Amino acid sequence: MNETANKQEEVKGEKVKRRTSLKNIIGGDILATDFFRRQTKLLVLIMVLILFYIHNRYACQQQMIEIDKLKKELIDIKYDALTRSSELMERSRQSRIEEYIATKESDLQTSTNPPYLIK
């Protein structure tokens, strides 16, 4: 008789284990099952890895935003340097310098002798 009672209890226990309802899931009773008790360390590891993944993705997105911002700033600086370089080239032309000297009424004049190399 003991054997039949034990078998009936096992069958009832299996029915309880197999039966998972929405109420058990929402109430948290599913976490008290034997499966979740045995796999606690694995579940904690999975949660830590998920948090690490989310943090890594967020950090990567922030770095990509910063890279895009710096690329735009670099392009603006390159255009500014190009503009200044062309302005300097324009102002340092011989004809411009001669015009500037003529308007200032200076005694400076353009040399008529070609430059020569001193050894």
PDB file of N, CA and C in Angstrom:
ATOM      1  N   MET A   1       0.823  -1.181   0.000  1.00  0.00           N
ATOM      2  CA  MET A   1       0.000   0.000   0.000  1.00  0.00           C
ATOM      3  C   MET A   1       0.873   1.252   0.000  1.00  0.00           C
ATOM      4  N   ASN A   2       1.977   1.174   0.677  1.00  0.00           N
ATOM      5  CA  ASN A   2       2.901   2.304   0.696  1.00  0.00           C
ATOM      6  C   ASN A   2       3.413   2.624  -0.705  1.00  0.00           C
ATOM      7  N   GLU A   3       3.674   1.565  -1.454  1.00  0.00           N
ATOM      8  CA  GLU A   3       4.202   1.763  -2.801  1.00  0.00           C
ATOM      9  C   GLU A   3       3.182   2.464  -3.691  1.00  0.00           C
ATOM     10  N   THR A   4       1.947   2.110  -3.579  1.00  0.00           N
ATOM     11  CA  THR A   4       0.916   2.745  -4.407  1.00  0.00           C
ATOM     12  C   THR A   4       0.701   4.184  -3.994  1.00  0.00           C
ATOM     13  N   ALA A   5       0.818   4.471  -2.717  1.00  0.00           N
ATOM     14  CA  ALA A   5       0.659   5.843  -2.234  1.00  0.00           C
ATOM     15  C   ALA A   5       1.822   6.703  -2.731  1.00  0.00           C
ATOM     16  N   ASN A   6       3.026   6.147  -2.698  1.00  0.00           N
ATOM     17  CA  ASN A   6       4.196   6.881  -3.198  1.00  0.00           C
ATOM     18  C   ASN A   6       4.075   7.154  -4.693  1.00  0.00           C
ATOM     19  N   LYS A   7       3.589   6.154  -5.424  1.00  0.00           N
ATOM     20  CA  LYS A   7       3.414   6.335  -6.870  1.00  0.00           C
ATOM     21  C   LYS A   7       2.377   7.396  -7.172  1.00  0.00           C
ATOM     22  N   GLN A   8       1.304   7.417  -6.389  1.00  0.00           N
ATOM     23  CA  GLN A   8       0.262   8.412  -6.593  1.00  0.00           C
ATOM     24  C   GLN A   8       0.805   9.815  -6.291  1.00  0.00           C
ATOM     25  N   GLU A   9       1.599   9.948  -5.245  1.00  0.00           N
ATOM     26  CA  GLU A   9       2.203  11.238  -4.890  1.00  0.00           C
ATOM     27  C   GLU A   9       3.152  11.705  -5.991  1.00  0.00           C
ATOM     28  N   GLU A  10       3.928  10.760  -6.556  1.00  0.00           N
ATOM     29  CA  GLU A  10       4.844  11.111  -7.641  1.00  0.00           C
ATOM     30  C   GLU A  10       4.071  11.580  -8.860  1.00  0.00           C
ATOM     31  N   VAL A  11       2.958  10.897  -9.165  1.00  0.00           N
ATOM     32  CA  VAL A  11       2.147  11.277 -10.313  1.00  0.00           C
ATOM     33  C   VAL A  11       1.548  12.662 -10.085  1.00  0.00           C
ATOM     34  N   LYS A  12       1.078  12.918  -8.879  1.00  0.00           N
ATOM     35  CA  LYS A  12       0.532  14.241  -8.552  1.00  0.00           C
ATOM     36  C   LYS A  12       1.625  15.308  -8.636  1.00  0.00           C
ATOM     37  N   GLY A  13       2.800  14.977  -8.130  1.00  0.00           N
ATOM     38  CA  GLY A  13       3.939  15.908  -8.186  1.00  0.00           C
ATOM     39  C   GLY A  13       4.329  16.223  -9.613  1.00  0.00           C
ATOM     40  N   GLU A  14       4.316  15.209 -10.473  1.00  0.00           N
ATOM     41  CA  GLU A  14       4.646  15.426 -11.880  1.00  0.00           C
ATOM     42  C   GLU A  14       3.602  16.296 -12.548  1.00  0.00           C
ATOM     43  N   LYS A  15       2.334  16.091 -12.195  1.00  0.00           N
ATOM     44  CA  LYS A  15       1.268  16.918 -12.769  1.00  0.00           C
ATOM     45  C   LYS A  15       1.449  18.370 -12.341  1.00  0.00           C
ATOM     46  N   VAL A  16       1.822  18.573 -11.097  1.00  0.00           N
ATOM     47  CA  VAL A  16       2.038  19.933 -10.600  1.00  0.00           C
ATOM     48  C   VAL A  16       3.241  20.554 -11.303  1.00  0.00           C
ATOM     49  N   LYS A  17       4.300  19.742 -11.491  1.00  0.00           N
ATOM     50  CA  LYS A  17       5.496  20.258 -12.156  1.00  0.00           C
ATOM     51  C   LYS A  17       5.217  20.601 -13.608  1.00  0.00           C
ATOM     52  N   ARG A  18       4.438  19.802 -14.270  1.00  0.00           N
ATOM     53  CA  ARG A  18       4.164  20.015 -15.684  1.00  0.00           C
ATOM     54  C   ARG A  18       3.205  21.174 -15.924  1.00  0.00           C
ATOM     55  N   ARG A  19       2.354  21.418 -14.976  1.00  0.00           N
ATOM     56  CA  ARG A  19       1.315  22.424 -15.163  1.00  0.00           C
ATOM     57  C   ARG A  19       1.845  23.807 -14.794  1.00  0.00           C
ATOM     58  N   THR A  20       2.087  24.618 -15.778  1.00  0.00           N
ATOM     59  CA  THR A  20       2.493  25.993 -15.537  1.00  0.00           C
ATOM     60  C   THR A  20       1.449  26.890 -16.173  1.00  0.00           C
ATOM     61  N   SER A  21       0.911  27.741 -15.366  1.00  0.00           N
ATOM     62  CA  SER A  21      -0.116  28.652 -15.873  1.00  0.00           C
ATOM     63  C   SER A  21       0.411  30.074 -15.815  1.00  0.00           C
ATOM     64  N   LEU A  22      -0.355  30.953 -16.381  1.00  0.00           N
ATOM     65  CA  LEU A  22       0.019  32.369 -16.385  1.00  0.00           C
ATOM     66  C   LEU A  22       0.086  32.903 -14.962  1.00  0.00           C
ATOM     67  N   LYS A  23      -0.800  32.393 -14.125  1.00  0.00           N
ATOM     68  CA  LYS A  23      -0.816  32.820 -12.722  1.00  0.00           C
ATOM     69  C   LYS A  23       0.493  32.432 -12.027  1.00  0.00           C
ATOM     70  N   ASN A  24       1.002  31.234 -12.302  1.00  0.00           N
ATOM     71  CA  ASN A  24       2.261  30.779 -11.698  1.00  0.00           C
ATOM     72  C   ASN A  24       3.440  31.627 -12.195  1.00  0.00           C
ATOM     73  N   ILE A  25       3.404  31.972 -13.464  1.00  0.00           N
ATOM     74  CA  ILE A  25       4.508  32.771 -14.025  1.00  0.00           C
ATOM     75  C   ILE A  25       4.494  34.175 -13.455  1.00  0.00           C
ATOM     76  N   ILE A  26       3.331  34.824 -13.453  1.00  0.00           N
ATOM     77  CA  ILE A  26       3.234  36.205 -12.958  1.00  0.00           C
ATOM     78  C   ILE A  26       3.476  36.253 -11.453  1.00  0.00           C
ATOM     79  N   GLY A  27       2.973  35.279 -10.736  1.00  0.00           N
ATOM     80  CA  GLY A  27       3.137  35.253  -9.283  1.00  0.00           C
ATOM     81  C   GLY A  27       4.543  34.919  -8.839  1.00  0.00           C
ATOM     82  N   GLY A  28       5.360  34.385  -9.733  1.00  0.00           N
ATOM     83  CA  GLY A  28       6.737  34.055  -9.381  1.00  0.00           C
ATOM     84  C   GLY A  28       6.894  32.646  -8.860  1.00  0.00           C
ATOM     85  N   ASP A  29       5.836  31.862  -8.850  1.00  0.00           N
ATOM     86  CA  ASP A  29       5.920  30.483  -8.369  1.00  0.00           C
ATOM     87  C   ASP A  29       6.798  29.626  -9.271  1.00  0.00           C
ATOM     88  N   ILE A  30       6.916  30.017 -10.516  1.00  0.00           N
ATOM     89  CA  ILE A  30       7.737  29.238 -11.451  1.00  0.00           C
ATOM     90  C   ILE A  30       9.214  29.268 -11.048  1.00  0.00           C
ATOM     91  N   LEU A  31       9.627  30.342 -10.366  1.00  0.00           N
ATOM     92  CA  LEU A  31      11.024  30.456  -9.939  1.00  0.00           C
ATOM     93  C   LEU A  31      11.349  29.515  -8.774  1.00  0.00           C
ATOM     94  N   ALA A  32      10.325  29.007  -8.117  1.00  0.00           N
ATOM     95  CA  ALA A  32      10.538  28.096  -6.986  1.00  0.00           C
ATOM     96  C   ALA A  32      10.622  26.639  -7.432  1.00  0.00           C
ATOM     97  N   THR A  33      10.482  26.389  -8.709  1.00  0.00           N
ATOM     98  CA  THR A  33      10.555  25.006  -9.187  1.00  0.00           C
ATOM     99  C   THR A  33      11.992  24.498  -9.091  1.00  0.00           C
ATOM    100  N   ASP A  34      12.109  23.190  -9.136  1.00  0.00           N
ATOM    101  CA  ASP A  34      13.410  22.541  -8.991  1.00  0.00           C
ATOM    102  C   ASP A  34      14.364  22.923 -10.126  1.00  0.00           C
ATOM    103  N   PHE A  35      13.846  23.063 -11.331  1.00  0.00           N
ATOM    104  CA  PHE A  35      14.693  23.422 -12.482  1.00  0.00           C
ATOM    105  C   PHE A  35      15.382  24.772 -12.263  1.00  0.00           C
ATOM    106  N   PHE A  36      14.632  25.758 -11.843  1.00  0.00           N
ATOM    107  CA  PHE A  36      15.214  27.091 -11.643  1.00  0.00           C
ATOM    108  C   PHE A  36      16.148  27.118 -10.444  1.00  0.00           C
ATOM    109  N   ARG A  37      15.871  26.310  -9.441  1.00  0.00           N
ATOM    110  CA  ARG A  37      16.782  26.249  -8.288  1.00  0.00           C
ATOM    111  C   ARG A  37      18.145  25.681  -8.696  1.00  0.00           C
ATOM    112  N   ARG A  38      18.111  24.669  -9.561  1.00  0.00           N
ATOM    113  CA  ARG A  38      19.365  24.058 -10.002  1.00  0.00           C
ATOM    114  C   ARG A  38      20.142  24.970 -10.956  1.00  0.00           C
ATOM    115  N   GLN A  39      19.464  25.795 -11.711  1.00  0.00           N
ATOM    116  CA  GLN A  39      20.096  26.623 -12.744  1.00  0.00           C
ATOM    117  C   GLN A  39      20.311  28.075 -12.308  1.00  0.00           C
ATOM    118  N   THR A  40      20.279  28.349 -11.020  1.00  0.00           N
ATOM    119  CA  THR A  40      20.402  29.717 -10.514  1.00  0.00           C
ATOM    120  C   THR A  40      21.698  30.377 -10.971  1.00  0.00           C
ATOM    121  N   LYS A  41      22.815  29.690 -10.863  1.00  0.00           N
ATOM    122  CA  LYS A  41      24.105  30.271 -11.248  1.00  0.00           C
ATOM    123  C   LYS A  41      24.148  30.588 -12.746  1.00  0.00           C
ATOM    124  N   LEU A  42      23.608  29.694 -13.539  1.00  0.00           N
ATOM    125  CA  LEU A  42      23.565  29.925 -14.976  1.00  0.00           C
ATOM    126  C   LEU A  42      22.685  31.137 -15.312  1.00  0.00           C
ATOM    127  N   LEU A  43      21.552  31.239 -14.652  1.00  0.00           N
ATOM    128  CA  LEU A  43      20.653  32.376 -14.902  1.00  0.00           C
ATOM    129  C   LEU A  43      21.306  33.698 -14.492  1.00  0.00           C
ATOM    130  N   VAL A  44      22.012  33.687 -13.368  1.00  0.00           N
ATOM    131  CA  VAL A  44      22.716  34.906 -12.938  1.00  0.00           C
ATOM    132  C   VAL A  44      23.801  35.272 -13.949  1.00  0.00           C
ATOM    133  N   LEU A  45      24.538  34.282 -14.441  1.00  0.00           N
ATOM    134  CA  LEU A  45      25.562  34.530 -15.448  1.00  0.00           C
ATOM    135  C   LEU A  45      24.953  35.108 -16.724  1.00  0.00           C
ATOM    136  N   ILE A  46      23.834  34.546 -17.143  1.00  0.00           N
ATOM    137  CA  ILE A  46      23.162  35.060 -18.345  1.00  0.00           C
ATOM    138  C   ILE A  46      22.714  36.504 -18.142  1.00  0.00           C
ATOM    139  N   MET A  47      22.195  36.822 -16.982  1.00  0.00           N
ATOM    140  CA  MET A  47      21.762  38.201 -16.706  1.00  0.00           C
ATOM    141  C   MET A  47      22.954  39.167 -16.718  1.00  0.00           C
ATOM    142  N   VAL A  48      24.073  38.738 -16.134  1.00  0.00           N
ATOM    143  CA  VAL A  48      25.276  39.585 -16.144  1.00  0.00           C
ATOM    144  C   VAL A  48      25.756  39.810 -17.574  1.00  0.00           C
ATOM    145  N   LEU A  49      25.754  38.768 -18.380  1.00  0.00           N
ATOM    146  CA  LEU A  49      26.175  38.912 -19.779  1.00  0.00           C
ATOM    147  C   LEU A  49      25.226  39.823 -20.557  1.00  0.00           C
ATOM    148  N   ILE A  50      23.941  39.739 -20.284  1.00  0.00           N
ATOM    149  CA  ILE A  50      22.971  40.621 -20.939  1.00  0.00           C
ATOM    150  C   ILE A  50      23.235  42.074 -20.562  1.00  0.00           C
ATOM    151  N   LEU A  51      23.486  42.323 -19.295  1.00  0.00           N
ATOM    152  CA  LEU A  51      23.792  43.695 -18.858  1.00  0.00           C
ATOM    153  C   LEU A  51      25.085  44.194 -19.501  1.00  0.00           C
ATOM    154  N   PHE A  52      26.091  43.332 -19.571  1.00  0.00           N
ATOM    155  CA  PHE A  52      27.350  43.707 -20.211  1.00  0.00           C
ATOM    156  C   PHE A  52      27.126  44.031 -21.684  1.00  0.00           C
ATOM    157  N   TYR A  53      26.315  43.237 -22.369  1.00  0.00           N
ATOM    158  CA  TYR A  53      26.011  43.462 -23.782  1.00  0.00           C
ATOM    159  C   TYR A  53      25.311  44.799 -23.981  1.00  0.00           C
ATOM    160  N   ILE A  54      24.331  45.102 -23.144  1.00  0.00           N
ATOM    161  CA  ILE A  54      23.603  46.369 -23.260  1.00  0.00           C
ATOM    162  C   ILE A  54      24.549  47.540 -23.022  1.00  0.00           C
ATOM    163  N   HIS A  55      25.390  47.441 -22.000  1.00  0.00           N
ATOM    164  CA  HIS A  55      26.337  48.521 -21.709  1.00  0.00           C
ATOM    165  C   HIS A  55      27.320  48.711 -22.859  1.00  0.00           C
ATOM    166  N   ASN A  56      27.819  47.618 -23.398  1.00  0.00           N
ATOM    167  CA  ASN A  56      28.788  47.682 -24.489  1.00  0.00           C
ATOM    168  C   ASN A  56      28.172  48.344 -25.723  1.00  0.00           C
ATOM    169  N   ARG A  57      26.950  47.980 -26.037  1.00  0.00           N
ATOM    170  CA  ARG A  57      26.266  48.563 -27.197  1.00  0.00           C
ATOM    171  C   ARG A  57      26.048  50.060 -26.999  1.00  0.00           C
ATOM    172  N   TYR A  58      25.623  50.448 -25.804  1.00  0.00           N
ATOM    173  CA  TYR A  58      25.403  51.863 -25.509  1.00  0.00           C
ATOM    174  C   TYR A  58      26.710  52.651 -25.629  1.00  0.00           C
ATOM    175  N   ALA A  59      27.786  52.118 -25.079  1.00  0.00           N
ATOM    176  CA  ALA A  59      29.082  52.794 -25.151  1.00  0.00           C
ATOM    177  C   ALA A  59      29.545  52.918 -26.597  1.00  0.00           C
ATOM    178  N   CYS A  60      29.330  51.882 -27.394  1.00  0.00           N
ATOM    179  CA  CYS A  60      29.711  51.903 -28.802  1.00  0.00           C
ATOM    180  C   CYS A  60      28.925  52.973 -29.554  1.00  0.00           C
ATOM    181  N   GLN A  61      27.635  53.083 -29.288  1.00  0.00           N
ATOM    182  CA  GLN A  61      26.814  54.112 -29.943  1.00  0.00           C
ATOM    183  C   GLN A  61      27.292  55.503 -29.565  1.00  0.00           C
ATOM    184  N   GLN A  62      27.642  55.700 -28.303  1.00  0.00           N
ATOM    185  CA  GLN A  62      28.134  57.010 -27.876  1.00  0.00           C
ATOM    186  C   GLN A  62      29.448  57.355 -28.567  1.00  0.00           C
ATOM    187  N   GLN A  63      30.323  56.380 -28.716  1.00  0.00           N
ATOM    188  CA  GLN A  63      31.592  56.615 -29.397  1.00  0.00           C
ATOM    189  C   GLN A  63      31.375  56.920 -30.871  1.00  0.00           C
ATOM    190  N   MET A  64      30.427  56.246 -31.501  1.00  0.00           N
ATOM    191  CA  MET A  64      30.147  56.516 -32.912  1.00  0.00           C
ATOM    192  C   MET A  64      29.578  57.927 -33.103  1.00  0.00           C
ATOM    193  N   ILE A  65      28.745  58.379 -32.178  1.00  0.00           N
ATOM    194  CA  ILE A  65      28.225  59.750 -32.236  1.00  0.00           C
ATOM    195  C   ILE A  65      29.374  60.737 -32.107  1.00  0.00           C
ATOM    196  N   GLU A  66      30.287  60.474 -31.192  1.00  0.00           N
ATOM    197  CA  GLU A  66      31.449  61.352 -30.995  1.00  0.00           C
ATOM    198  C   GLU A  66      32.343  61.359 -32.236  1.00  0.00           C
ATOM    199  N   ILE A  67      32.536  60.201 -32.856  1.00  0.00           N
ATOM    200  CA  ILE A  67      33.355  60.116 -34.074  1.00  0.00           C
ATOM    201  C   ILE A  67      32.732  60.924 -35.202  1.00  0.00           C
ATOM    202  N   ASP A  68      31.417  60.811 -35.379  1.00  0.00           N
ATOM    203  CA  ASP A  68      30.738  61.586 -36.418  1.00  0.00           C
ATOM    204  C   ASP A  68      30.875  63.082 -36.172  1.00  0.00           C
ATOM    205  N   LYS A  69      30.738  63.494 -34.911  1.00  0.00           N
ATOM    206  CA  LYS A  69      30.876  64.908 -34.566  1.00  0.00           C
ATOM    207  C   LYS A  69      32.293  65.403 -34.877  1.00  0.00           C
ATOM    208  N   LEU A  70      33.294  64.598 -34.528  1.00  0.00           N
ATOM    209  CA  LEU A  70      34.683  64.988 -34.780  1.00  0.00           C
ATOM    210  C   LEU A  70      35.002  65.009 -36.281  1.00  0.00           C
ATOM    211  N   LYS A  71      34.404  64.099 -37.058  1.00  0.00           N
ATOM    212  CA  LYS A  71      34.619  64.111 -38.507  1.00  0.00           C
ATOM    213  C   LYS A  71      34.073  65.389 -39.126  1.00  0.00           C
ATOM    214  N   LYS A  72      32.892  65.806 -38.692  1.00  0.00           N
ATOM    215  CA  LYS A  72      32.309  67.052 -39.204  1.00  0.00           C
ATOM    216  C   LYS A  72      33.186  68.251 -38.831  1.00  0.00           C
ATOM    217  N   GLU A  73      33.673  68.247 -37.608  1.00  0.00           N
ATOM    218  CA  GLU A  73      34.541  69.337 -37.161  1.00  0.00           C
ATOM    219  C   GLU A  73      35.847  69.346 -37.957  1.00  0.00           C
ATOM    220  N   LEU A  74      36.392  68.175 -38.248  1.00  0.00           N
ATOM    221  CA  LEU A  74      37.624  68.079 -39.033  1.00  0.00           C
ATOM    222  C   LEU A  74      37.423  68.626 -40.438  1.00  0.00           C
ATOM    223  N   ILE A  75      36.285  68.304 -41.054  1.00  0.00           N
ATOM    224  CA  ILE A  75      35.999  68.820 -42.398  1.00  0.00           C
ATOM    225  C   ILE A  75      35.895  70.338 -42.367  1.00  0.00           C
ATOM    226  N   ASP A  76      35.228  70.881 -41.353  1.00  0.00           N
ATOM    227  CA  ASP A  76      35.114  72.339 -41.236  1.00  0.00           C
ATOM    228  C   ASP A  76      36.492  72.977 -41.075  1.00  0.00           C
ATOM    229  N   ILE A  77      37.349  72.373 -40.280  1.00  0.00           N
ATOM    230  CA  ILE A  77      38.690  72.919 -40.065  1.00  0.00           C
ATOM    231  C   ILE A  77      39.515  72.836 -41.347  1.00  0.00           C
ATOM    232  N   LYS A  78      39.370  71.746 -42.105  1.00  0.00           N
ATOM    233  CA  LYS A  78      40.103  71.623 -43.376  1.00  0.00           C
ATOM    234  C   LYS A  78      39.676  72.706 -44.355  1.00  0.00           C
ATOM    235  N   TYR A  79      38.363  72.951 -44.451  1.00  0.00           N
ATOM    236  CA  TYR A  79      37.879  74.001 -45.344  1.00  0.00           C
ATOM    237  C   TYR A  79      38.374  75.378 -44.901  1.00  0.00           C
ATOM    238  N   ASP A  80      38.401  75.598 -43.596  1.00  0.00           N
ATOM    239  CA  ASP A  80      38.902  76.873 -43.072  1.00  0.00           C
ATOM    240  C   ASP A  80      40.390  77.037 -43.394  1.00  0.00           C
ATOM    241  N   ALA A  81      41.168  75.971 -43.226  1.00  0.00           N
ATOM    242  CA  ALA A  81      42.602  76.038 -43.536  1.00  0.00           C
ATOM    243  C   ALA A  81      42.820  76.276 -45.027  1.00  0.00           C
ATOM    244  N   LEU A  82      42.027  75.655 -45.868  1.00  0.00           N
ATOM    245  CA  LEU A  82      42.144  75.852 -47.308  1.00  0.00           C
ATOM    246  C   LEU A  82      41.820  77.301 -47.688  1.00  0.00           C
ATOM    247  N   THR A  83      40.785  77.850 -47.069  1.00  0.00           N
ATOM    248  CA  THR A  83      40.413  79.244 -47.327  1.00  0.00           C
ATOM    249  C   THR A  83      41.533  80.188 -46.908  1.00  0.00           C
ATOM    250  N   ARG A  84      42.074  79.985 -45.728  1.00  0.00           N
ATOM    251  CA  ARG A  84      43.157  80.848 -45.253  1.00  0.00           C
ATOM    252  C   ARG A  84      44.401  80.711 -46.135  1.00  0.00           C
ATOM    253  N   SER A  85      44.693  79.494 -46.569  1.00  0.00           N
ATOM    254  CA  SER A  85      45.841  79.279 -47.434  1.00  0.00           C
ATOM    255  C   SER A  85      45.670  80.024 -48.760  1.00  0.00           C
ATOM    256  N   SER A  86      44.486  79.962 -49.339  1.00  0.00           N
ATOM    257  CA  SER A  86      44.267  80.670 -50.604  1.00  0.00           C
ATOM    258  C   SER A  86      44.307  82.183 -50.406  1.00  0.00           C
ATOM    259  N   GLU A  87      43.797  82.680 -49.270  1.00  0.00           N
ATOM    260  CA  GLU A  87      43.887  84.114 -48.976  1.00  0.00           C
ATOM    261  C   GLU A  87      45.341  84.548 -48.839  1.00  0.00           C
ATOM    262  N   LEU A  88      46.142  83.756 -48.152  1.00  0.00           N
ATOM    263  CA  LEU A  88      47.566  84.067 -47.992  1.00  0.00           C
ATOM    264  C   LEU A  88      48.269  84.062 -49.339  1.00  0.00           C
ATOM    265  N   MET A  89      47.962  83.099 -50.182  1.00  0.00           N
ATOM    266  CA  MET A  89      48.565  83.019 -51.508  1.00  0.00           C
ATOM    267  C   MET A  89      48.199  84.262 -52.326  1.00  0.00           C
ATOM    268  N   GLU A  90      46.943  84.678 -52.216  1.00  0.00           N
ATOM    269  CA  GLU A  90      46.484  85.864 -52.943  1.00  0.00           C
ATOM    270  C   GLU A  90      47.210  87.118 -52.450  1.00  0.00           C
ATOM    271  N   ARG A  91      47.363  87.266 -51.158  1.00  0.00           N
ATOM    272  CA  ARG A  91      47.995  88.465 -50.595  1.00  0.00           C
ATOM    273  C   ARG A  91      49.499  88.491 -50.824  1.00  0.00           C
ATOM    274  N   SER A  92      50.127  87.319 -51.004  1.00  0.00           N
ATOM    275  CA  SER A  92      51.582  87.292 -51.136  1.00  0.00           C
ATOM    276  C   SER A  92      52.049  87.293 -52.593  1.00  0.00           C
ATOM    277  N   ARG A  93      51.153  87.456 -53.541  1.00  0.00           N
ATOM    278  CA  ARG A  93      51.560  87.553 -54.945  1.00  0.00           C
ATOM    279  C   ARG A  93      52.340  88.845 -55.161  1.00  0.00           C
ATOM    280  N   GLN A  94      53.261  88.786 -56.090  1.00  0.00           N
ATOM    281  CA  GLN A  94      54.127  89.933 -56.330  1.00  0.00           C
ATOM    282  C   GLN A  94      53.315  91.148 -56.774  1.00  0.00           C
ATOM    283  N   SER A  95      52.333  90.968 -57.618  1.00  0.00           N
ATOM    284  CA  SER A  95      51.543  92.105 -58.100  1.00  0.00           C
ATOM    285  C   SER A  95      50.786  92.768 -56.947  1.00  0.00           C
ATOM    286  N   ARG A  96      50.268  91.973 -56.026  1.00  0.00           N
ATOM    287  CA  ARG A  96      49.562  92.533 -54.867  1.00  0.00           C
ATOM    288  C   ARG A  96      50.522  93.314 -53.968  1.00  0.00           C
ATOM    289  N   ILE A  97      51.702  92.751 -53.759  1.00  0.00           N
ATOM    290  CA  ILE A  97      52.683  93.436 -52.911  1.00  0.00           C
ATOM    291  C   ILE A  97      53.101  94.759 -53.554  1.00  0.00           C
ATOM    292  N   GLU A  98      53.307  94.752 -54.868  1.00  0.00           N
ATOM    293  CA  GLU A  98      53.666  95.998 -55.555  1.00  0.00           C
ATOM    294  C   GLU A  98      52.552  97.029 -55.458  1.00  0.00           C
ATOM    295  N   GLU A  99      51.300  96.594 -55.571  1.00  0.00           N
ATOM    296  CA  GLU A  99      50.159  97.508 -55.409  1.00  0.00           C
ATOM    297  C   GLU A  99      50.145  98.100 -54.011  1.00  0.00           C
ATOM    298  N   TYR A 100      50.346  97.251 -53.014  1.00  0.00           N
ATOM    299  CA  TYR A 100      50.325  97.704 -51.620  1.00  0.00           C
ATOM    300  C   TYR A 100      51.426  98.729 -51.361  1.00  0.00           C
ATOM    301  N   ILE A 101      52.625  98.475 -51.872  1.00  0.00           N
ATOM    302  CA  ILE A 101      53.752  99.400 -51.672  1.00  0.00           C
ATOM    303  C   ILE A 101      53.466 100.717 -52.384  1.00  0.00           C
ATOM    304  N   ALA A 102      52.875 100.663 -53.563  1.00  0.00           N
ATOM    305  CA  ALA A 102      52.574 101.880 -54.315  1.00  0.00           C
ATOM    306  C   ALA A 102      51.544 102.739 -53.581  1.00  0.00           C
ATOM    307  N   THR A 103      50.581 102.133 -52.940  1.00  0.00           N
ATOM    308  CA  THR A 103      49.555 102.914 -52.231  1.00  0.00           C
ATOM    309  C   THR A 103      50.103 103.514 -50.944  1.00  0.00           C
ATOM    310  N   LYS A 104      51.141 102.965 -50.384  1.00  0.00           N
ATOM    311  CA  LYS A 104      51.712 103.471 -49.136  1.00  0.00           C
ATOM    312  C   LYS A 104      52.791 104.528 -49.387  1.00  0.00           C
ATOM    313  N   GLU A 105      53.067 104.821 -50.630  1.00  0.00           N
ATOM    314  CA  GLU A 105      54.076 105.819 -50.994  1.00  0.00           C
ATOM    315  C   GLU A 105      55.413 105.511 -50.332  1.00  0.00           C
ATOM    316  N   SER A 106      55.897 104.312 -50.535  1.00  0.00           N
ATOM    317  CA  SER A 106      57.164 103.876 -49.976  1.00  0.00           C
ATOM    318  C   SER A 106      58.269 104.055 -51.010  1.00  0.00           C
ATOM    319  N   ASP A 107      59.520 104.098 -50.553  1.00  0.00           N
ATOM    320  CA  ASP A 107      60.668 104.201 -51.447  1.00  0.00           C
ATOM    321  C   ASP A 107      61.073 102.845 -52.015  1.00  0.00           C
ATOM    322  N   LEU A 108      60.437 101.779 -51.591  1.00  0.00           N
ATOM    323  CA  LEU A 108      60.768 100.445 -52.080  1.00  0.00           C
ATOM    324  C   LEU A 108      60.351 100.302 -53.538  1.00  0.00           C
ATOM    325  N   GLN A 109      61.194  99.577 -54.284  1.00  0.00           N
ATOM    326  CA  GLN A 109      60.891  99.324 -55.684  1.00  0.00           C
ATOM    327  C   GLN A 109      61.239  97.883 -56.016  1.00  0.00           C
ATOM    328  N   THR A 110      60.670  97.394 -57.095  1.00  0.00           N
ATOM    329  CA  THR A 110      60.976  96.046 -57.548  1.00  0.00           C
ATOM    330  C   THR A 110      62.357  96.039 -58.166  1.00  0.00           C
ATOM    331  N   SER A 111      63.141  95.045 -57.838  1.00  0.00           N
ATOM    332  CA  SER A 111      64.501  94.947 -58.345  1.00  0.00           C
ATOM    333  C   SER A 111      64.480  94.638 -59.838  1.00  0.00           C
ATOM    334  N   THR A 112      65.389  95.280 -60.549  1.00  0.00           N
ATOM    335  CA  THR A 112      65.502  95.014 -61.986  1.00  0.00           C
ATOM    336  C   THR A 112      66.558  93.953 -62.263  1.00  0.00           C
ATOM    337  N   ASN A 113      67.411  93.677 -61.302  1.00  0.00           N
ATOM    338  CA  ASN A 113      68.451  92.636 -61.439  1.00  0.00           C
ATOM    339  C   ASN A 113      67.881  91.301 -60.968  1.00  0.00           C
ATOM    340  N   PRO A 114      68.187  90.235 -61.680  1.00  0.00           N
ATOM    341  CA  PRO A 114      67.699  88.910 -61.233  1.00  0.00           C
ATOM    342  C   PRO A 114      68.463  88.473 -59.990  1.00  0.00           C
ATOM    343  N   PRO A 115      67.860  87.637 -59.185  1.00  0.00           N
ATOM    344  CA  PRO A 115      68.548  87.153 -57.990  1.00  0.00           C
ATOM    345  C   PRO A 115      69.716  86.249 -58.378  1.00  0.00           C
ATOM    346  N   TYR A 116      70.735  86.189 -57.550  1.00  0.00           N
ATOM    347  CA  TYR A 116      71.883  85.335 -57.823  1.00  0.00           C
ATOM    348  C   TYR A 116      72.237  84.582 -56.543  1.00  0.00           C
ATOM    349  N   LEU A 117      72.942  83.510 -56.721  1.00  0.00           N
ATOM    350  CA  LEU A 117      73.267  82.596 -55.625  1.00  0.00           C
ATOM    351  C   LEU A 117      74.639  82.993 -55.043  1.00  0.00           C
ATOM    352  N   ILE A 118      74.673  83.114 -53.733  1.00  0.00           N
ATOM    353  CA  ILE A 118      75.929  83.423 -53.038  1.00  0.00           C
ATOM    354  C   ILE A 118      76.547  82.101 -52.596  1.00  0.00           C
ATOM    355  N   LYS A 119      77.858  81.961 -52.937  1.00  0.00           N
ATOM    356  CA  LYS A 119      78.535  80.717 -52.587  1.00  0.00           C
ATOM    357  C   LYS A 119      79.515  80.934 -51.482  1.00  0.00           C
TER     358      LYS A 119
END
